[in-house]
Amino acid sequence: MKNNYLLLTPGPLSTSKTVKEAMLQNWCTWDDDYNIGIVEKIRTQLCSLAGSTELLTATLMQGNGTASVEAALGTFISKRDTLLVINNGAYGARIKQI
C-alpha cells in the first residue's frame, strides 16, 4: 500500500477538495513509516532550523492554530509574566482571551 502523506491537520472552512479527499485515509500514528519516516524527519528539520538537533527537541501538535497558541502560552508564560498581544483582528482577540 502506498502512503501519500499530505495532511496532518486540515485548514479552516476553506478546506479544498483534495484536502478532504486526503482525510479519507486512516493514519496509524504508531506505524514506523509514519513516526520515523514522517514525524521524526519533521522534528529533526525543525530543530535544525532552530540551530541544534542535539540540544533541542520539537513536539508536533495536532490541532488548529489556536490549540497550539494555547499550549504555548500555558507552557511558557507563568502567571507572573506579562505578554504583549498585538490585537489587530479576530486571531489577536482570541489570543488575548486565552
N, C-alpha and C. Protein backbone atom coordinates (compact mmCIF):
# COMPACT_ATOMS: atom_id res chain seq x y z
N MET A 1 0.84 -1.18 0.00
CA MET A 1 0.00 0.00 0.00
C MET A 1 0.89 1.24 0.00
N LYS A 2 0.60 2.16 -0.89
CA LYS A 2 1.37 3.39 -0.97
C LYS A 2 0.74 4.45 -0.09
N ASN A 3 1.57 5.06 0.79
CA ASN A 3 1.09 6.13 1.67
C ASN A 3 1.49 7.47 1.09
N ASN A 4 0.52 8.29 0.81
CA ASN A 4 0.78 9.65 0.34
C ASN A 4 0.46 10.60 1.49
N TYR A 5 1.48 10.89 2.31
CA TYR A 5 1.27 11.74 3.46
C TYR A 5 1.17 13.19 3.02
N LEU A 6 -0.03 13.70 3.00
CA LEU A 6 -0.28 15.05 2.53
C LEU A 6 -0.81 15.96 3.62
N LEU A 7 -1.29 15.39 4.70
CA LEU A 7 -2.07 16.19 5.64
C LEU A 7 -1.80 15.76 7.07
N LEU A 8 -1.55 16.72 7.94
CA LEU A 8 -1.51 16.45 9.37
C LEU A 8 -2.77 17.03 10.02
N THR A 9 -3.15 18.22 9.64
CA THR A 9 -4.33 18.87 10.18
C THR A 9 -4.97 19.69 9.07
N PRO A 10 -6.27 19.55 8.88
CA PRO A 10 -6.92 20.36 7.84
C PRO A 10 -7.00 21.82 8.23
N GLY A 11 -7.16 22.63 7.24
CA GLY A 11 -7.26 24.07 7.47
C GLY A 11 -8.65 24.49 7.91
N PRO A 12 -8.92 25.78 7.84
CA PRO A 12 -10.22 26.29 8.28
C PRO A 12 -11.33 25.94 7.29
N LEU A 13 -12.36 26.71 7.27
CA LEU A 13 -13.53 26.41 6.46
C LEU A 13 -13.25 26.27 4.97
N SER A 14 -12.16 26.84 4.52
CA SER A 14 -11.84 26.80 3.09
C SER A 14 -11.07 25.55 2.70
N THR A 15 -11.28 24.45 3.39
CA THR A 15 -10.58 23.21 3.09
C THR A 15 -10.92 22.76 1.68
N SER A 16 -9.90 22.54 0.88
CA SER A 16 -10.11 22.18 -0.53
C SER A 16 -10.57 20.74 -0.68
N LYS A 17 -11.03 20.42 -1.87
CA LYS A 17 -11.50 19.07 -2.16
C LYS A 17 -10.36 18.06 -2.02
N THR A 18 -9.15 18.42 -2.46
CA THR A 18 -8.03 17.49 -2.35
C THR A 18 -7.66 17.21 -0.90
N VAL A 19 -7.77 18.22 -0.04
CA VAL A 19 -7.51 18.01 1.39
C VAL A 19 -8.57 17.09 1.98
N LYS A 20 -9.82 17.33 1.66
CA LYS A 20 -10.90 16.47 2.15
C LYS A 20 -10.71 15.03 1.68
N GLU A 21 -10.29 14.86 0.45
CA GLU A 21 -10.03 13.51 -0.05
C GLU A 21 -8.88 12.84 0.70
N ALA A 22 -7.84 13.61 1.03
CA ALA A 22 -6.71 13.07 1.78
C ALA A 22 -7.15 12.63 3.17
N MET A 23 -8.17 13.28 3.71
CA MET A 23 -8.66 12.95 5.05
C MET A 23 -9.38 11.60 5.09
N LEU A 24 -9.68 11.03 3.92
CA LEU A 24 -10.36 9.74 3.87
C LEU A 24 -9.43 8.58 4.19
N GLN A 25 -8.12 8.81 4.19
CA GLN A 25 -7.16 7.76 4.51
C GLN A 25 -6.89 7.75 6.01
N ASN A 26 -6.87 6.56 6.59
CA ASN A 26 -6.55 6.42 8.01
C ASN A 26 -5.04 6.49 8.21
N TRP A 27 -4.63 7.22 9.22
CA TRP A 27 -3.21 7.36 9.54
C TRP A 27 -2.95 6.67 10.86
N CYS A 28 -2.05 5.72 10.87
CA CYS A 28 -1.70 5.00 12.10
C CYS A 28 -0.46 5.63 12.70
N THR A 29 -0.64 6.39 13.76
CA THR A 29 0.48 7.12 14.34
C THR A 29 1.50 6.22 15.01
N TRP A 30 1.19 4.98 15.22
CA TRP A 30 2.16 4.07 15.83
C TRP A 30 2.94 3.29 14.77
N ASP A 31 2.64 3.46 13.50
CA ASP A 31 3.39 2.78 12.44
C ASP A 31 4.75 3.44 12.25
N ASP A 32 5.77 2.63 12.05
CA ASP A 32 7.13 3.14 11.87
C ASP A 32 7.25 4.08 10.68
N ASP A 33 6.56 3.77 9.58
CA ASP A 33 6.71 4.63 8.40
C ASP A 33 6.13 6.01 8.65
N TYR A 34 5.18 6.13 9.55
CA TYR A 34 4.63 7.43 9.90
C TYR A 34 5.49 8.13 10.94
N ASN A 35 5.75 7.45 12.04
CA ASN A 35 6.51 8.06 13.14
C ASN A 35 7.96 8.33 12.78
N ILE A 36 8.62 7.36 12.20
CA ILE A 36 10.03 7.53 11.88
C ILE A 36 10.18 8.26 10.55
N GLY A 37 9.42 7.84 9.57
CA GLY A 37 9.56 8.41 8.24
C GLY A 37 9.04 9.83 8.11
N ILE A 38 7.99 10.17 8.79
CA ILE A 38 7.37 11.48 8.64
C ILE A 38 7.66 12.36 9.86
N VAL A 39 7.20 11.94 11.03
CA VAL A 39 7.28 12.76 12.23
C VAL A 39 8.73 13.05 12.62
N GLU A 40 9.56 12.04 12.64
CA GLU A 40 10.95 12.26 13.06
C GLU A 40 11.68 13.16 12.07
N LYS A 41 11.39 13.03 10.80
CA LYS A 41 12.03 13.91 9.81
C LYS A 41 11.63 15.36 10.05
N ILE A 42 10.36 15.60 10.30
CA ILE A 42 9.88 16.97 10.56
C ILE A 42 10.51 17.52 11.83
N ARG A 43 10.54 16.71 12.90
CA ARG A 43 11.13 17.14 14.17
C ARG A 43 12.60 17.51 13.99
N THR A 44 13.34 16.68 13.28
CA THR A 44 14.76 16.94 13.05
C THR A 44 14.96 18.21 12.24
N GLN A 45 14.15 18.41 11.22
CA GLN A 45 14.27 19.62 10.41
C GLN A 45 13.94 20.88 11.22
N LEU A 46 12.93 20.81 12.07
CA LEU A 46 12.59 21.96 12.90
C LEU A 46 13.72 22.32 13.85
N CYS A 47 14.30 21.31 14.50
CA CYS A 47 15.41 21.56 15.41
C CYS A 47 16.62 22.09 14.67
N SER A 48 16.85 21.59 13.48
CA SER A 48 17.96 22.08 12.67
C SER A 48 17.77 23.54 12.30
N LEU A 49 16.55 23.91 11.94
CA LEU A 49 16.25 25.31 11.64
C LEU A 49 16.47 26.20 12.86
N ALA A 50 16.18 25.67 14.04
CA ALA A 50 16.34 26.43 15.28
C ALA A 50 17.79 26.45 15.76
N GLY A 51 18.65 25.65 15.15
CA GLY A 51 20.06 25.74 15.47
C GLY A 51 20.74 24.50 16.02
N SER A 52 19.99 23.49 16.45
CA SER A 52 20.65 22.32 17.01
C SER A 52 19.72 21.12 17.04
N THR A 53 20.20 20.01 16.54
CA THR A 53 19.45 18.76 16.66
C THR A 53 19.89 17.98 17.89
N GLU A 54 20.93 18.45 18.56
CA GLU A 54 21.43 17.76 19.75
C GLU A 54 20.94 18.42 21.04
N LEU A 55 20.79 19.74 21.04
CA LEU A 55 20.38 20.45 22.25
C LEU A 55 18.87 20.70 22.32
N LEU A 56 18.19 20.58 21.20
CA LEU A 56 16.77 20.91 21.14
C LEU A 56 15.93 19.71 20.74
N THR A 57 14.66 19.80 21.06
CA THR A 57 13.71 18.82 20.56
C THR A 57 12.46 19.57 20.14
N ALA A 58 11.63 18.94 19.38
CA ALA A 58 10.38 19.55 18.92
C ALA A 58 9.24 18.58 19.16
N THR A 59 8.12 19.11 19.53
CA THR A 59 6.92 18.31 19.73
C THR A 59 5.88 18.76 18.73
N LEU A 60 5.45 17.85 17.90
CA LEU A 60 4.41 18.18 16.93
C LEU A 60 3.05 18.06 17.60
N MET A 61 2.22 19.05 17.35
CA MET A 61 0.88 19.06 17.94
C MET A 61 -0.15 19.04 16.83
N GLN A 62 -1.14 18.22 17.02
CA GLN A 62 -2.22 18.17 16.04
C GLN A 62 -3.36 19.04 16.54
N GLY A 63 -3.85 19.89 15.70
CA GLY A 63 -4.93 20.78 16.07
C GLY A 63 -4.84 22.07 15.29
N ASN A 64 -5.72 22.96 15.57
CA ASN A 64 -5.69 24.24 14.86
C ASN A 64 -4.68 25.18 15.49
N GLY A 65 -4.49 26.34 14.90
CA GLY A 65 -3.51 27.31 15.39
C GLY A 65 -3.80 27.76 16.81
N THR A 66 -5.07 27.92 17.13
CA THR A 66 -5.44 28.36 18.47
C THR A 66 -5.02 27.32 19.52
N ALA A 67 -5.15 26.05 19.19
CA ALA A 67 -4.74 24.99 20.13
C ALA A 67 -3.25 25.07 20.41
N SER A 68 -2.46 25.31 19.38
CA SER A 68 -1.01 25.43 19.56
C SER A 68 -0.64 26.67 20.36
N VAL A 69 -1.31 27.79 20.07
CA VAL A 69 -1.04 29.02 20.82
C VAL A 69 -1.41 28.83 22.28
N GLU A 70 -2.54 28.23 22.55
CA GLU A 70 -2.96 28.00 23.93
C GLU A 70 -1.96 27.11 24.66
N ALA A 71 -1.48 26.06 23.99
CA ALA A 71 -0.49 25.18 24.61
C ALA A 71 0.81 25.93 24.89
N ALA A 72 1.26 26.74 23.95
CA ALA A 72 2.49 27.50 24.15
C ALA A 72 2.34 28.50 25.29
N LEU A 73 1.23 29.22 25.32
CA LEU A 73 1.01 30.19 26.39
C LEU A 73 0.96 29.51 27.76
N GLY A 74 0.28 28.39 27.81
CA GLY A 74 0.17 27.66 29.07
C GLY A 74 1.48 27.06 29.53
N THR A 75 2.38 26.82 28.59
CA THR A 75 3.66 26.20 28.92
C THR A 75 4.74 27.22 29.23
N PHE A 76 4.80 28.29 28.45
CA PHE A 76 5.93 29.21 28.52
C PHE A 76 5.67 30.50 29.29
N ILE A 77 4.43 30.83 29.55
CA ILE A 77 4.11 32.08 30.23
C ILE A 77 3.56 31.76 31.62
N SER A 78 4.25 32.23 32.65
CA SER A 78 3.76 31.98 34.01
C SER A 78 2.75 33.05 34.40
N LYS A 79 2.10 32.85 35.51
CA LYS A 79 1.12 33.83 36.00
C LYS A 79 1.78 35.16 36.36
N ARG A 80 3.08 35.13 36.64
CA ARG A 80 3.81 36.36 36.98
C ARG A 80 4.29 37.12 35.74
N ASP A 81 4.30 36.47 34.58
CA ASP A 81 4.81 37.09 33.36
C ASP A 81 3.76 38.01 32.73
N THR A 82 4.25 38.89 31.87
CA THR A 82 3.39 39.77 31.09
C THR A 82 3.57 39.42 29.63
N LEU A 83 2.49 39.35 28.91
CA LEU A 83 2.52 39.00 27.50
C LEU A 83 1.94 40.15 26.68
N LEU A 84 2.66 40.57 25.66
CA LEU A 84 2.17 41.59 24.75
C LEU A 84 1.47 40.89 23.59
N VAL A 85 0.20 41.22 23.39
CA VAL A 85 -0.58 40.64 22.30
C VAL A 85 -0.93 41.75 21.32
N ILE A 86 -0.57 41.57 20.07
CA ILE A 86 -0.95 42.51 19.03
C ILE A 86 -2.37 42.14 18.61
N ASN A 87 -3.32 42.90 19.09
CA ASN A 87 -4.74 42.59 18.86
C ASN A 87 -5.23 43.42 17.67
N ASN A 88 -4.99 42.89 16.48
CA ASN A 88 -5.39 43.61 15.27
C ASN A 88 -6.39 42.81 14.44
N GLY A 89 -7.13 41.95 15.10
CA GLY A 89 -8.12 41.15 14.39
C GLY A 89 -8.63 40.02 15.25
N ALA A 90 -9.37 39.12 14.64
CA ALA A 90 -10.01 38.02 15.36
C ALA A 90 -9.00 37.12 16.06
N TYR A 91 -7.89 36.84 15.40
CA TYR A 91 -6.91 35.94 15.99
C TYR A 91 -6.24 36.57 17.21
N GLY A 92 -5.88 37.85 17.11
CA GLY A 92 -5.31 38.56 18.25
C GLY A 92 -6.28 38.63 19.41
N ALA A 93 -7.56 38.87 19.11
CA ALA A 93 -8.59 38.91 20.15
C ALA A 93 -8.70 37.56 20.84
N ARG A 94 -8.58 36.49 20.07
CA ARG A 94 -8.66 35.15 20.65
C ARG A 94 -7.47 34.89 21.56
N ILE A 95 -6.27 35.31 21.14
CA ILE A 95 -5.08 35.13 21.97
C ILE A 95 -5.23 35.93 23.27
N LYS A 96 -5.74 37.13 23.17
CA LYS A 96 -5.96 37.95 24.37
C LYS A 96 -6.93 37.25 25.32
N GLN A 97 -7.98 36.65 24.77
CA GLN A 97 -8.96 35.95 25.59
C GLN A 97 -8.33 34.75 26.29
N ILE A 98 -7.47 34.02 25.57
CA ILE A 98 -6.80 32.86 26.17
C ILE A 98 -5.97 33.29 27.34
